[in-house]
Each structure stands twice: as C-alpha cells, then as structure tokens.
Amino acid sequence: MDWLSVLWDSYWWPLYLLWYLVSAIGLWCLCRAGKVPHPWMCWIPLVQDYQAGWLADSLVPRKAWLPWKILLPVMRMLSILSVPVSGLLGLALVSLIAGRLDGNWFGILLVGIGSMLLSILGVIGLRAAERIVCAVSLLPVWESFYPTRKGICICLTLVGLEGIAFFRCAQNISQQAINSGETLPLNQERKN
C-alpha cells in the first residue's frame, strides 16, 4: 500500500484542509488590518510564515540582525528538513560503523538504535526551538490584536495551533476597522 492512498483514504485530510483555511483566513484578516503588503500571500502555505513575520515586524519595529519575516520561514524550513536530513545522517553513520564492526549484528543494531534516538532528539529539539521563536515573534501580534487573551494565544502558538489564535484575533477586530483602513485595531497609535 503506497503512502498516497493511505493519505487520501484516511479521514484526516478534511481536518488538515479545515485547519489550513482557518489559519489562512485569520492571518489574511490580520494582515489586511495591519496594512501588510500583499495579504493574498497568506493563502500560500510556506509563505504564511513570512507574512506573519512581516506583520510582527510592522507592529513593533526592532533593530536586529535578522527580522522576523526572514527568521520565521527559515526556522520552519529547518524544522521540515530536519527529518530527512537526520535520517540520512543516521543511515550514513550506521553504514560507516557497520563496515568496521565486521558482521557483529548486535553492535550494528546498537549503533542503529543510537543513531535513530539521536535523530529523533535532534528533530524534537529543532521543532521546540522553532515553536519558541514563533511564539516570541508573534507576541506583538497578540498584544496588538487580542491583548486580553495574549497568554492563550502564546500557549496556542507553542503547541503549533497559532492558526486558531490568528482566527480568534481576526474575529476580535471590528469589521469597521478593517473596512475603514485603519492601521491598528481600536484606534491604537503606532509606537515609534
């Protein structure tokens, strides 16, 4: 059975599609309210991180060597690429050591298990770092668009559910602020 049939035969893909739509709608509304250029890019999956970083940078300008709009997508790509890269490195380590163990299957098995555990720990560590960077970078967004529930938004971001927070923030913005073209919700002044 190939993986594509498993994916499409499962009942999970409608939930993933719903998750993507909720996240894209929420971020699109926030980018429109925050006057981020090209809010339509919120509908492109990996570009959503760029737009979220742009929104965070536009709310609280900071002088740093790397803006959030670059750091967020880079961290997401590193998190995605860490799985195949760590698997290939583990396979290379096992094959390198297997040649030196000269048929000792128990030693080869131990090296394989050890490299697999190291790969898993590396992926988990990089994913945790990506979630922390995402939570720190989106803090200005939560403070500007949903200040009464920013703690909940941070927790949702840490567990990877920032799409719900985007959508909830978009609901929190009044339709009048979006239609009138105000830069920030609730007539807040931009801090310079």
N, C-alpha and C. Protein backbone atom coordinates (compact mmCIF):
# COMPACT_ATOMS: atom_id res chain seq x y z
N MET A 1 0.85 -1.18 0.00
CA MET A 1 0.00 0.00 0.00
C MET A 1 0.90 1.24 0.00
N ASP A 2 0.70 2.12 -0.95
CA ASP A 2 1.55 3.31 -1.02
C ASP A 2 1.01 4.41 -0.10
N TRP A 3 1.87 5.37 0.22
CA TRP A 3 1.54 6.41 1.20
C TRP A 3 0.46 7.35 0.71
N LEU A 4 0.38 7.57 -0.63
CA LEU A 4 -0.63 8.49 -1.15
C LEU A 4 -2.04 7.95 -0.93
N SER A 5 -2.21 6.64 -1.14
CA SER A 5 -3.54 6.07 -0.91
C SER A 5 -3.89 6.08 0.58
N VAL A 6 -2.89 5.89 1.43
CA VAL A 6 -3.14 5.97 2.87
C VAL A 6 -3.58 7.38 3.25
N LEU A 7 -2.89 8.38 2.66
CA LEU A 7 -3.23 9.77 2.96
C LEU A 7 -4.66 10.09 2.51
N TRP A 8 -5.00 9.75 1.29
CA TRP A 8 -6.31 10.12 0.76
C TRP A 8 -7.43 9.24 1.27
N ASP A 9 -7.11 8.00 1.70
CA ASP A 9 -8.14 7.13 2.25
C ASP A 9 -8.44 7.44 3.71
N SER A 10 -7.54 8.18 4.34
CA SER A 10 -7.77 8.48 5.75
C SER A 10 -8.84 9.57 5.89
N TYR A 11 -9.29 9.70 7.10
CA TYR A 11 -10.31 10.71 7.38
C TYR A 11 -9.71 12.01 7.89
N TRP A 12 -8.38 12.08 7.91
CA TRP A 12 -7.72 13.24 8.49
C TRP A 12 -7.57 14.40 7.53
N TRP A 13 -7.52 14.16 6.23
CA TRP A 13 -7.22 15.27 5.32
C TRP A 13 -8.29 16.36 5.33
N PRO A 14 -9.58 16.08 5.58
CA PRO A 14 -10.51 17.21 5.70
C PRO A 14 -10.20 18.11 6.90
N LEU A 15 -9.71 17.50 7.99
CA LEU A 15 -9.32 18.32 9.14
C LEU A 15 -8.11 19.19 8.83
N TYR A 16 -7.15 18.64 8.08
CA TYR A 16 -6.00 19.44 7.67
C TYR A 16 -6.42 20.58 6.75
N LEU A 17 -7.34 20.30 5.86
CA LEU A 17 -7.83 21.34 4.96
C LEU A 17 -8.58 22.43 5.75
N LEU A 18 -9.40 22.03 6.71
CA LEU A 18 -10.10 22.99 7.56
C LEU A 18 -9.11 23.81 8.38
N TRP A 19 -8.09 23.16 8.93
CA TRP A 19 -7.05 23.86 9.69
C TRP A 19 -6.35 24.89 8.83
N TYR A 20 -6.02 24.51 7.59
CA TYR A 20 -5.35 25.43 6.68
C TYR A 20 -6.24 26.63 6.37
N LEU A 21 -7.51 26.41 6.13
CA LEU A 21 -8.43 27.51 5.81
C LEU A 21 -8.61 28.45 7.00
N VAL A 22 -8.78 27.92 8.20
CA VAL A 22 -8.94 28.76 9.39
C VAL A 22 -7.69 29.61 9.60
N SER A 23 -6.54 29.00 9.48
CA SER A 23 -5.27 29.72 9.66
C SER A 23 -5.09 30.80 8.60
N ALA A 24 -5.36 30.47 7.35
CA ALA A 24 -5.18 31.43 6.26
C ALA A 24 -6.16 32.59 6.36
N ILE A 25 -7.41 32.31 6.70
CA ILE A 25 -8.40 33.38 6.83
C ILE A 25 -8.02 34.32 7.97
N GLY A 26 -7.64 33.76 9.11
CA GLY A 26 -7.26 34.60 10.25
C GLY A 26 -6.05 35.46 9.96
N LEU A 27 -5.01 34.87 9.38
CA LEU A 27 -3.80 35.65 9.08
C LEU A 27 -4.08 36.68 7.99
N TRP A 28 -4.90 36.33 7.02
CA TRP A 28 -5.24 37.27 5.95
C TRP A 28 -5.96 38.50 6.52
N CYS A 29 -6.91 38.27 7.42
CA CYS A 29 -7.62 39.40 8.05
C CYS A 29 -6.68 40.27 8.87
N LEU A 30 -5.77 39.65 9.62
CA LEU A 30 -4.82 40.42 10.41
C LEU A 30 -3.87 41.21 9.52
N CYS A 31 -3.43 40.61 8.42
CA CYS A 31 -2.53 41.33 7.51
C CYS A 31 -3.25 42.49 6.83
N ARG A 32 -4.51 42.32 6.52
CA ARG A 32 -5.28 43.45 5.96
C ARG A 32 -5.42 44.56 6.98
N ALA A 33 -5.73 44.21 8.22
CA ALA A 33 -5.90 45.22 9.26
C ALA A 33 -4.57 45.90 9.60
N GLY A 34 -3.48 45.16 9.53
CA GLY A 34 -2.17 45.71 9.83
C GLY A 34 -1.48 46.36 8.65
N LYS A 35 -2.18 46.43 7.49
CA LYS A 35 -1.64 47.04 6.27
C LYS A 35 -0.33 46.40 5.83
N VAL A 36 -0.25 45.07 5.94
CA VAL A 36 0.91 44.34 5.44
C VAL A 36 0.76 44.22 3.93
N PRO A 37 1.82 44.50 3.17
CA PRO A 37 1.72 44.40 1.72
C PRO A 37 1.41 42.96 1.28
N HIS A 38 0.63 42.85 0.25
CA HIS A 38 0.27 41.57 -0.38
C HIS A 38 -0.36 40.57 0.59
N PRO A 39 -1.51 40.89 1.19
CA PRO A 39 -2.12 39.94 2.13
C PRO A 39 -2.58 38.65 1.46
N TRP A 40 -2.70 38.63 0.14
CA TRP A 40 -3.11 37.40 -0.55
C TRP A 40 -2.08 36.29 -0.38
N MET A 41 -0.83 36.66 -0.02
CA MET A 41 0.20 35.64 0.15
C MET A 41 -0.04 34.77 1.38
N CYS A 42 -0.99 35.15 2.22
CA CYS A 42 -1.33 34.33 3.39
C CYS A 42 -1.97 33.00 2.97
N TRP A 43 -2.39 32.89 1.74
CA TRP A 43 -3.01 31.67 1.26
C TRP A 43 -1.99 30.65 0.76
N ILE A 44 -0.72 31.03 0.67
CA ILE A 44 0.33 30.11 0.23
C ILE A 44 0.96 29.51 1.48
N PRO A 45 0.96 28.17 1.61
CA PRO A 45 1.33 27.54 2.89
C PRO A 45 2.65 27.99 3.51
N LEU A 46 3.77 27.90 2.86
CA LEU A 46 5.03 28.26 3.50
C LEU A 46 5.26 29.76 3.55
N VAL A 47 4.55 30.51 2.73
CA VAL A 47 4.70 31.96 2.72
C VAL A 47 3.92 32.58 3.89
N GLN A 48 3.02 31.81 4.50
CA GLN A 48 2.28 32.31 5.66
C GLN A 48 3.22 32.74 6.77
N ASP A 49 4.30 32.01 6.96
CA ASP A 49 5.26 32.38 8.00
C ASP A 49 5.93 33.71 7.68
N TYR A 50 6.22 33.96 6.42
CA TYR A 50 6.80 35.23 6.00
C TYR A 50 5.83 36.38 6.31
N GLN A 51 4.57 36.18 5.97
CA GLN A 51 3.56 37.22 6.22
C GLN A 51 3.36 37.45 7.71
N ALA A 52 3.36 36.37 8.51
CA ALA A 52 3.22 36.53 9.96
C ALA A 52 4.42 37.30 10.53
N GLY A 53 5.61 37.01 10.03
CA GLY A 53 6.79 37.74 10.46
C GLY A 53 6.75 39.19 10.03
N TRP A 54 6.25 39.45 8.83
CA TRP A 54 6.12 40.82 8.35
C TRP A 54 5.14 41.60 9.24
N LEU A 55 4.04 40.94 9.60
CA LEU A 55 3.06 41.57 10.48
C LEU A 55 3.69 41.91 11.83
N ALA A 56 4.45 40.97 12.40
CA ALA A 56 5.10 41.22 13.69
C ALA A 56 6.13 42.35 13.57
N ASP A 57 6.89 42.37 12.47
CA ASP A 57 7.88 43.44 12.26
C ASP A 57 7.22 44.79 12.08
N SER A 58 6.05 44.81 11.44
CA SER A 58 5.39 46.10 11.19
C SER A 58 4.76 46.67 12.47
N LEU A 59 4.38 45.81 13.40
CA LEU A 59 3.76 46.28 14.64
C LEU A 59 4.79 46.84 15.62
N VAL A 60 5.91 46.16 15.74
CA VAL A 60 6.97 46.61 16.65
C VAL A 60 8.28 46.56 15.89
N PRO A 61 8.66 47.68 15.27
CA PRO A 61 9.94 47.66 14.56
C PRO A 61 11.09 47.46 15.54
N ARG A 62 12.00 46.59 15.18
CA ARG A 62 13.14 46.33 16.05
C ARG A 62 14.41 46.36 15.23
N LYS A 63 15.46 46.73 15.87
CA LYS A 63 16.75 46.77 15.19
C LYS A 63 17.48 45.48 15.54
N ALA A 64 17.43 44.54 14.62
CA ALA A 64 18.06 43.25 14.84
C ALA A 64 18.77 42.84 13.55
N TRP A 65 19.66 41.90 13.68
CA TRP A 65 20.41 41.45 12.51
C TRP A 65 19.54 40.62 11.57
N LEU A 66 18.44 40.07 12.07
CA LEU A 66 17.57 39.25 11.23
C LEU A 66 16.11 39.54 11.60
N PRO A 67 15.32 40.10 10.69
CA PRO A 67 13.92 40.40 11.03
C PRO A 67 13.09 39.12 11.13
N TRP A 68 11.95 39.23 11.82
CA TRP A 68 11.07 38.08 11.99
C TRP A 68 10.57 37.55 10.65
N LYS A 69 10.38 38.44 9.67
CA LYS A 69 9.83 37.98 8.39
C LYS A 69 10.79 37.04 7.66
N ILE A 70 12.06 37.06 8.03
CA ILE A 70 13.03 36.11 7.46
C ILE A 70 13.24 34.93 8.41
N LEU A 71 13.30 35.21 9.71
CA LEU A 71 13.60 34.16 10.68
C LEU A 71 12.50 33.11 10.79
N LEU A 72 11.24 33.52 10.74
CA LEU A 72 10.14 32.55 10.86
C LEU A 72 10.13 31.52 9.73
N PRO A 73 10.19 31.94 8.45
CA PRO A 73 10.20 30.91 7.40
C PRO A 73 11.46 30.04 7.42
N VAL A 74 12.60 30.63 7.78
CA VAL A 74 13.83 29.84 7.83
C VAL A 74 13.73 28.77 8.91
N MET A 75 13.21 29.13 10.07
CA MET A 75 13.05 28.14 11.14
C MET A 75 12.05 27.05 10.75
N ARG A 76 10.98 27.42 10.06
CA ARG A 76 10.01 26.41 9.62
C ARG A 76 10.63 25.45 8.61
N MET A 77 11.42 25.99 7.67
CA MET A 77 12.07 25.13 6.68
C MET A 77 13.10 24.21 7.33
N LEU A 78 13.86 24.73 8.30
CA LEU A 78 14.81 23.88 9.01
C LEU A 78 14.09 22.77 9.78
N SER A 79 12.95 23.10 10.35
CA SER A 79 12.17 22.11 11.08
C SER A 79 11.65 21.02 10.14
N ILE A 80 11.21 21.43 8.95
CA ILE A 80 10.71 20.46 7.97
C ILE A 80 11.84 19.59 7.43
N LEU A 81 12.97 20.22 7.12
CA LEU A 81 14.09 19.48 6.52
C LEU A 81 14.87 18.65 7.53
N SER A 82 14.65 18.87 8.82
CA SER A 82 15.42 18.14 9.82
C SER A 82 15.11 16.64 9.80
N VAL A 83 13.91 16.26 9.42
CA VAL A 83 13.55 14.84 9.43
C VAL A 83 14.34 14.06 8.38
N PRO A 84 14.30 14.44 7.08
CA PRO A 84 15.08 13.63 6.13
C PRO A 84 16.59 13.76 6.32
N VAL A 85 17.06 14.94 6.71
CA VAL A 85 18.50 15.11 6.89
C VAL A 85 19.00 14.25 8.05
N SER A 86 18.27 14.26 9.17
CA SER A 86 18.72 13.43 10.30
C SER A 86 18.62 11.94 9.96
N GLY A 87 17.63 11.56 9.18
CA GLY A 87 17.53 10.16 8.76
C GLY A 87 18.69 9.75 7.87
N LEU A 88 19.06 10.61 6.94
CA LEU A 88 20.21 10.30 6.07
C LEU A 88 21.51 10.27 6.85
N LEU A 89 21.68 11.19 7.79
CA LEU A 89 22.89 11.16 8.61
C LEU A 89 22.96 9.91 9.47
N GLY A 90 21.83 9.49 10.03
CA GLY A 90 21.80 8.26 10.81
C GLY A 90 22.11 7.04 9.97
N LEU A 91 21.58 6.99 8.75
CA LEU A 91 21.86 5.89 7.84
C LEU A 91 23.34 5.85 7.46
N ALA A 92 23.91 7.03 7.20
CA ALA A 92 25.33 7.10 6.87
C ALA A 92 26.18 6.65 8.05
N LEU A 93 25.79 7.02 9.27
CA LEU A 93 26.54 6.61 10.45
C LEU A 93 26.49 5.10 10.63
N VAL A 94 25.30 4.52 10.47
CA VAL A 94 25.16 3.07 10.62
C VAL A 94 25.98 2.35 9.57
N SER A 95 25.92 2.79 8.31
CA SER A 95 26.67 2.10 7.26
C SER A 95 28.18 2.27 7.45
N LEU A 96 28.61 3.41 7.97
CA LEU A 96 30.03 3.64 8.21
C LEU A 96 30.54 2.72 9.32
N ILE A 97 29.79 2.65 10.40
CA ILE A 97 30.22 1.83 11.54
C ILE A 97 30.02 0.35 11.24
N ALA A 98 29.00 0.01 10.45
CA ALA A 98 28.75 -1.40 10.13
C ALA A 98 29.92 -2.01 9.38
N GLY A 99 30.56 -1.22 8.54
CA GLY A 99 31.72 -1.73 7.83
C GLY A 99 32.88 -2.02 8.76
N ARG A 100 32.98 -1.33 9.86
CA ARG A 100 34.08 -1.53 10.81
C ARG A 100 33.78 -2.65 11.82
N LEU A 101 32.51 -2.96 12.03
CA LEU A 101 32.17 -3.99 13.02
C LEU A 101 32.27 -5.40 12.46
N ASP A 102 32.41 -5.55 11.18
CA ASP A 102 32.71 -6.82 10.51
C ASP A 102 31.73 -7.94 10.89
N GLY A 103 30.45 -7.68 10.68
CA GLY A 103 29.45 -8.72 10.86
C GLY A 103 28.91 -8.86 12.27
N ASN A 104 29.27 -8.02 13.17
CA ASN A 104 28.75 -8.06 14.53
C ASN A 104 27.36 -7.42 14.53
N TRP A 105 26.33 -8.23 14.38
CA TRP A 105 24.98 -7.71 14.22
C TRP A 105 24.45 -7.02 15.46
N PHE A 106 24.86 -7.48 16.62
CA PHE A 106 24.42 -6.82 17.84
C PHE A 106 24.98 -5.39 17.93
N GLY A 107 26.24 -5.23 17.58
CA GLY A 107 26.85 -3.90 17.56
C GLY A 107 26.20 -2.99 16.53
N ILE A 108 25.90 -3.56 15.36
CA ILE A 108 25.25 -2.77 14.30
C ILE A 108 23.85 -2.34 14.76
N LEU A 109 23.14 -3.25 15.44
CA LEU A 109 21.81 -2.92 15.96
C LEU A 109 21.89 -1.81 17.00
N LEU A 110 22.86 -1.87 17.89
CA LEU A 110 23.02 -0.81 18.89
C LEU A 110 23.34 0.53 18.25
N VAL A 111 24.21 0.52 17.24
CA VAL A 111 24.54 1.77 16.55
C VAL A 111 23.31 2.32 15.83
N GLY A 112 22.53 1.44 15.22
CA GLY A 112 21.30 1.88 14.54
C GLY A 112 20.30 2.49 15.49
N ILE A 113 20.10 1.85 16.63
CA ILE A 113 19.16 2.39 17.62
C ILE A 113 19.67 3.71 18.17
N GLY A 114 20.97 3.78 18.45
CA GLY A 114 21.55 5.02 18.95
C GLY A 114 21.43 6.17 17.97
N SER A 115 21.70 5.89 16.68
CA SER A 115 21.59 6.96 15.68
C SER A 115 20.14 7.38 15.49
N MET A 116 19.21 6.43 15.61
CA MET A 116 17.80 6.76 15.49
C MET A 116 17.35 7.65 16.65
N LEU A 117 17.80 7.33 17.86
CA LEU A 117 17.45 8.15 19.02
C LEU A 117 18.05 9.56 18.91
N LEU A 118 19.29 9.65 18.45
CA LEU A 118 19.89 10.96 18.25
C LEU A 118 19.15 11.77 17.20
N SER A 119 18.72 11.12 16.14
CA SER A 119 17.95 11.81 15.09
C SER A 119 16.63 12.33 15.64
N ILE A 120 15.96 11.49 16.42
CA ILE A 120 14.67 11.89 17.00
C ILE A 120 14.85 13.06 17.95
N LEU A 121 15.88 13.00 18.80
CA LEU A 121 16.13 14.10 19.73
C LEU A 121 16.48 15.39 18.99
N GLY A 122 17.24 15.28 17.90
CA GLY A 122 17.57 16.46 17.10
C GLY A 122 16.34 17.09 16.47
N VAL A 123 15.46 16.27 15.94
CA VAL A 123 14.23 16.78 15.32
C VAL A 123 13.34 17.43 16.37
N ILE A 124 13.20 16.80 17.53
CA ILE A 124 12.37 17.37 18.60
C ILE A 124 12.95 18.69 19.09
N GLY A 125 14.27 18.74 19.25
CA GLY A 125 14.91 19.98 19.70
C GLY A 125 14.74 21.11 18.71
N LEU A 126 14.90 20.82 17.43
CA LEU A 126 14.73 21.86 16.42
C LEU A 126 13.28 22.31 16.33
N ARG A 127 12.37 21.38 16.46
CA ARG A 127 10.95 21.74 16.44
C ARG A 127 10.59 22.61 17.65
N ALA A 128 11.13 22.28 18.81
CA ALA A 128 10.87 23.10 20.01
C ALA A 128 11.45 24.50 19.84
N ALA A 129 12.65 24.59 19.27
CA ALA A 129 13.25 25.91 19.03
C ALA A 129 12.41 26.71 18.04
N GLU A 130 11.89 26.05 17.03
CA GLU A 130 11.05 26.74 16.04
C GLU A 130 9.77 27.26 16.68
N ARG A 131 9.17 26.49 17.57
CA ARG A 131 7.95 26.91 18.25
C ARG A 131 8.21 28.09 19.18
N ILE A 132 9.35 28.09 19.87
CA ILE A 132 9.69 29.19 20.78
C ILE A 132 9.94 30.46 19.99
N VAL A 133 10.67 30.37 18.88
CA VAL A 133 10.91 31.55 18.03
C VAL A 133 9.59 32.09 17.49
N CYS A 134 8.69 31.19 17.10
CA CYS A 134 7.39 31.60 16.59
C CYS A 134 6.59 32.32 17.68
N ALA A 135 6.60 31.80 18.89
CA ALA A 135 5.84 32.42 19.98
C ALA A 135 6.40 33.80 20.34
N VAL A 136 7.72 33.92 20.38
CA VAL A 136 8.33 35.21 20.70
C VAL A 136 8.07 36.23 19.60
N SER A 137 8.15 35.79 18.35
CA SER A 137 7.96 36.73 17.24
C SER A 137 6.52 37.19 17.10
N LEU A 138 5.56 36.34 17.45
CA LEU A 138 4.16 36.71 17.29
C LEU A 138 3.59 37.42 18.52
N LEU A 139 4.39 37.60 19.56
CA LEU A 139 3.91 38.30 20.75
C LEU A 139 3.38 39.70 20.44
N PRO A 140 4.05 40.51 19.59
CA PRO A 140 3.46 41.83 19.27
C PRO A 140 2.11 41.73 18.57
N VAL A 141 1.91 40.67 17.79
CA VAL A 141 0.62 40.49 17.11
C VAL A 141 -0.46 40.23 18.13
N TRP A 142 -0.17 39.34 19.09
CA TRP A 142 -1.19 39.03 20.09
C TRP A 142 -1.45 40.24 20.99
N GLU A 143 -0.41 41.01 21.32
CA GLU A 143 -0.59 42.19 22.16
C GLU A 143 -1.40 43.27 21.45
N SER A 144 -1.26 43.39 20.15
CA SER A 144 -1.97 44.44 19.41
C SER A 144 -3.40 44.06 19.07
N PHE A 145 -3.62 42.81 18.67
CA PHE A 145 -4.93 42.43 18.16
C PHE A 145 -5.81 41.68 19.16
N TYR A 146 -5.23 41.15 20.23
CA TYR A 146 -6.03 40.43 21.22
C TYR A 146 -5.36 40.52 22.59
N PRO A 147 -5.22 41.73 23.14
CA PRO A 147 -4.43 41.90 24.37
C PRO A 147 -5.02 41.20 25.60
N THR A 148 -6.32 40.99 25.62
CA THR A 148 -6.90 40.36 26.80
C THR A 148 -6.64 38.86 26.86
N ARG A 149 -6.31 38.25 25.74
CA ARG A 149 -6.09 36.81 25.69
C ARG A 149 -4.72 36.45 25.11
N LYS A 150 -3.74 37.32 25.32
CA LYS A 150 -2.42 37.05 24.71
C LYS A 150 -1.76 35.82 25.32
N GLY A 151 -2.03 35.50 26.58
CA GLY A 151 -1.47 34.29 27.19
C GLY A 151 -1.97 33.03 26.50
N ILE A 152 -3.27 33.00 26.19
CA ILE A 152 -3.84 31.85 25.48
C ILE A 152 -3.25 31.77 24.08
N CYS A 153 -3.09 32.91 23.43
CA CYS A 153 -2.50 32.93 22.08
C CYS A 153 -1.07 32.41 22.10
N ILE A 154 -0.30 32.77 23.11
CA ILE A 154 1.08 32.28 23.22
C ILE A 154 1.09 30.77 23.43
N CYS A 155 0.21 30.27 24.28
CA CYS A 155 0.13 28.82 24.51
C CYS A 155 -0.26 28.09 23.23
N LEU A 156 -1.23 28.63 22.50
CA LEU A 156 -1.61 28.00 21.23
C LEU A 156 -0.45 28.00 20.24
N THR A 157 0.34 29.06 20.24
CA THR A 157 1.49 29.14 19.35
C THR A 157 2.54 28.12 19.74
N LEU A 158 2.77 27.94 21.02
CA LEU A 158 3.79 27.00 21.47
C LEU A 158 3.46 25.56 21.10
N VAL A 159 2.18 25.22 21.02
CA VAL A 159 1.81 23.86 20.65
C VAL A 159 1.51 23.73 19.16
N GLY A 160 1.74 24.79 18.40
CA GLY A 160 1.56 24.72 16.95
C GLY A 160 0.17 25.04 16.46
N LEU A 161 -0.64 25.65 17.28
CA LEU A 161 -2.01 25.97 16.90
C LEU A 161 -2.22 27.47 16.75
N GLU A 162 -1.22 28.17 16.20
CA GLU A 162 -1.36 29.62 16.06
C GLU A 162 -2.45 30.00 15.06
N GLY A 163 -2.86 29.08 14.22
CA GLY A 163 -3.95 29.35 13.29
C GLY A 163 -5.25 29.69 14.03
N ILE A 164 -5.50 29.00 15.13
CA ILE A 164 -6.68 29.31 15.94
C ILE A 164 -6.56 30.70 16.53
N ALA A 165 -5.36 31.05 16.98
CA ALA A 165 -5.15 32.39 17.54
C ALA A 165 -5.29 33.46 16.46
N PHE A 166 -4.78 33.19 15.24
CA PHE A 166 -4.96 34.13 14.13
C PHE A 166 -6.45 34.36 13.88
N PHE A 167 -7.19 33.26 13.81
CA PHE A 167 -8.61 33.35 13.51
C PHE A 167 -9.36 34.09 14.63
N ARG A 168 -9.00 33.80 15.87
CA ARG A 168 -9.66 34.46 17.01
C ARG A 168 -9.33 35.95 17.05
N CYS A 169 -8.08 36.30 16.73
CA CYS A 169 -7.70 37.72 16.66
C CYS A 169 -8.46 38.42 15.54
N ALA A 170 -8.62 37.73 14.42
CA ALA A 170 -9.37 38.32 13.31
C ALA A 170 -10.82 38.55 13.70
N GLN A 171 -11.39 37.65 14.49
CA GLN A 171 -12.75 37.86 14.96
C GLN A 171 -12.81 39.02 15.94
N ASN A 172 -11.73 39.24 16.67
CA ASN A 172 -11.70 40.29 17.67
C ASN A 172 -11.63 41.68 17.03
N ILE A 173 -11.10 41.74 15.85
CA ILE A 173 -11.02 43.03 15.15
C ILE A 173 -12.41 43.40 14.66
N SER A 174 -12.78 44.60 14.87
CA SER A 174 -14.11 45.00 14.41
C SER A 174 -14.12 45.16 12.89
N GLN A 175 -15.22 44.86 12.27
CA GLN A 175 -15.35 44.98 10.83
C GLN A 175 -15.18 46.44 10.40
N GLN A 176 -15.52 47.35 11.24
CA GLN A 176 -15.35 48.77 10.93
C GLN A 176 -13.88 49.13 10.76
N ALA A 177 -13.00 48.58 11.60
CA ALA A 177 -11.56 48.86 11.49
C ALA A 177 -10.99 48.32 10.19
N ILE A 178 -11.46 47.16 9.76
CA ILE A 178 -10.97 46.58 8.51
C ILE A 178 -11.47 47.40 7.32
N ASN A 179 -12.76 47.75 7.32
CA ASN A 179 -13.33 48.49 6.19
C ASN A 179 -12.83 49.92 6.09
N SER A 180 -12.56 50.55 7.23
CA SER A 180 -12.13 51.95 7.19
C SER A 180 -10.65 52.08 6.87
N GLY A 181 -9.91 50.98 6.90
CA GLY A 181 -8.50 51.02 6.54
C GLY A 181 -7.58 51.50 7.63
N GLU A 182 -8.02 51.41 8.89
CA GLU A 182 -7.14 51.80 9.99
C GLU A 182 -5.97 50.83 10.06
N THR A 183 -4.82 51.33 10.47
CA THR A 183 -3.63 50.50 10.53
C THR A 183 -3.69 49.52 11.68
N LEU A 184 -4.10 49.96 12.83
CA LEU A 184 -4.17 49.10 14.01
C LEU A 184 -5.60 49.09 14.55
N PRO A 185 -5.99 48.01 15.23
CA PRO A 185 -7.34 47.95 15.76
C PRO A 185 -7.52 48.90 16.94
N LEU A 186 -8.76 49.27 17.19
CA LEU A 186 -9.16 50.04 18.35
C LEU A 186 -8.46 51.40 18.43
N ASN A 187 -8.15 51.98 17.29
CA ASN A 187 -7.55 53.32 17.19
C ASN A 187 -6.25 53.45 17.98
N GLN A 188 -5.46 52.39 18.06
CA GLN A 188 -4.20 52.45 18.76
C GLN A 188 -3.18 53.20 17.92
N GLU A 189 -2.30 53.91 18.57
CA GLU A 189 -1.23 54.62 17.88
C GLU A 189 -0.03 53.68 17.75
N ARG A 190 0.67 53.81 16.64
CA ARG A 190 1.88 53.02 16.43
C ARG A 190 3.00 53.57 17.28
N LYS A 191 3.72 52.66 17.96
CA LYS A 191 4.85 53.07 18.80
C LYS A 191 6.08 53.19 17.94
N ASN A 192 6.74 54.33 17.97
CA ASN A 192 7.96 54.52 17.19
C ASN A 192 9.16 54.62 18.08
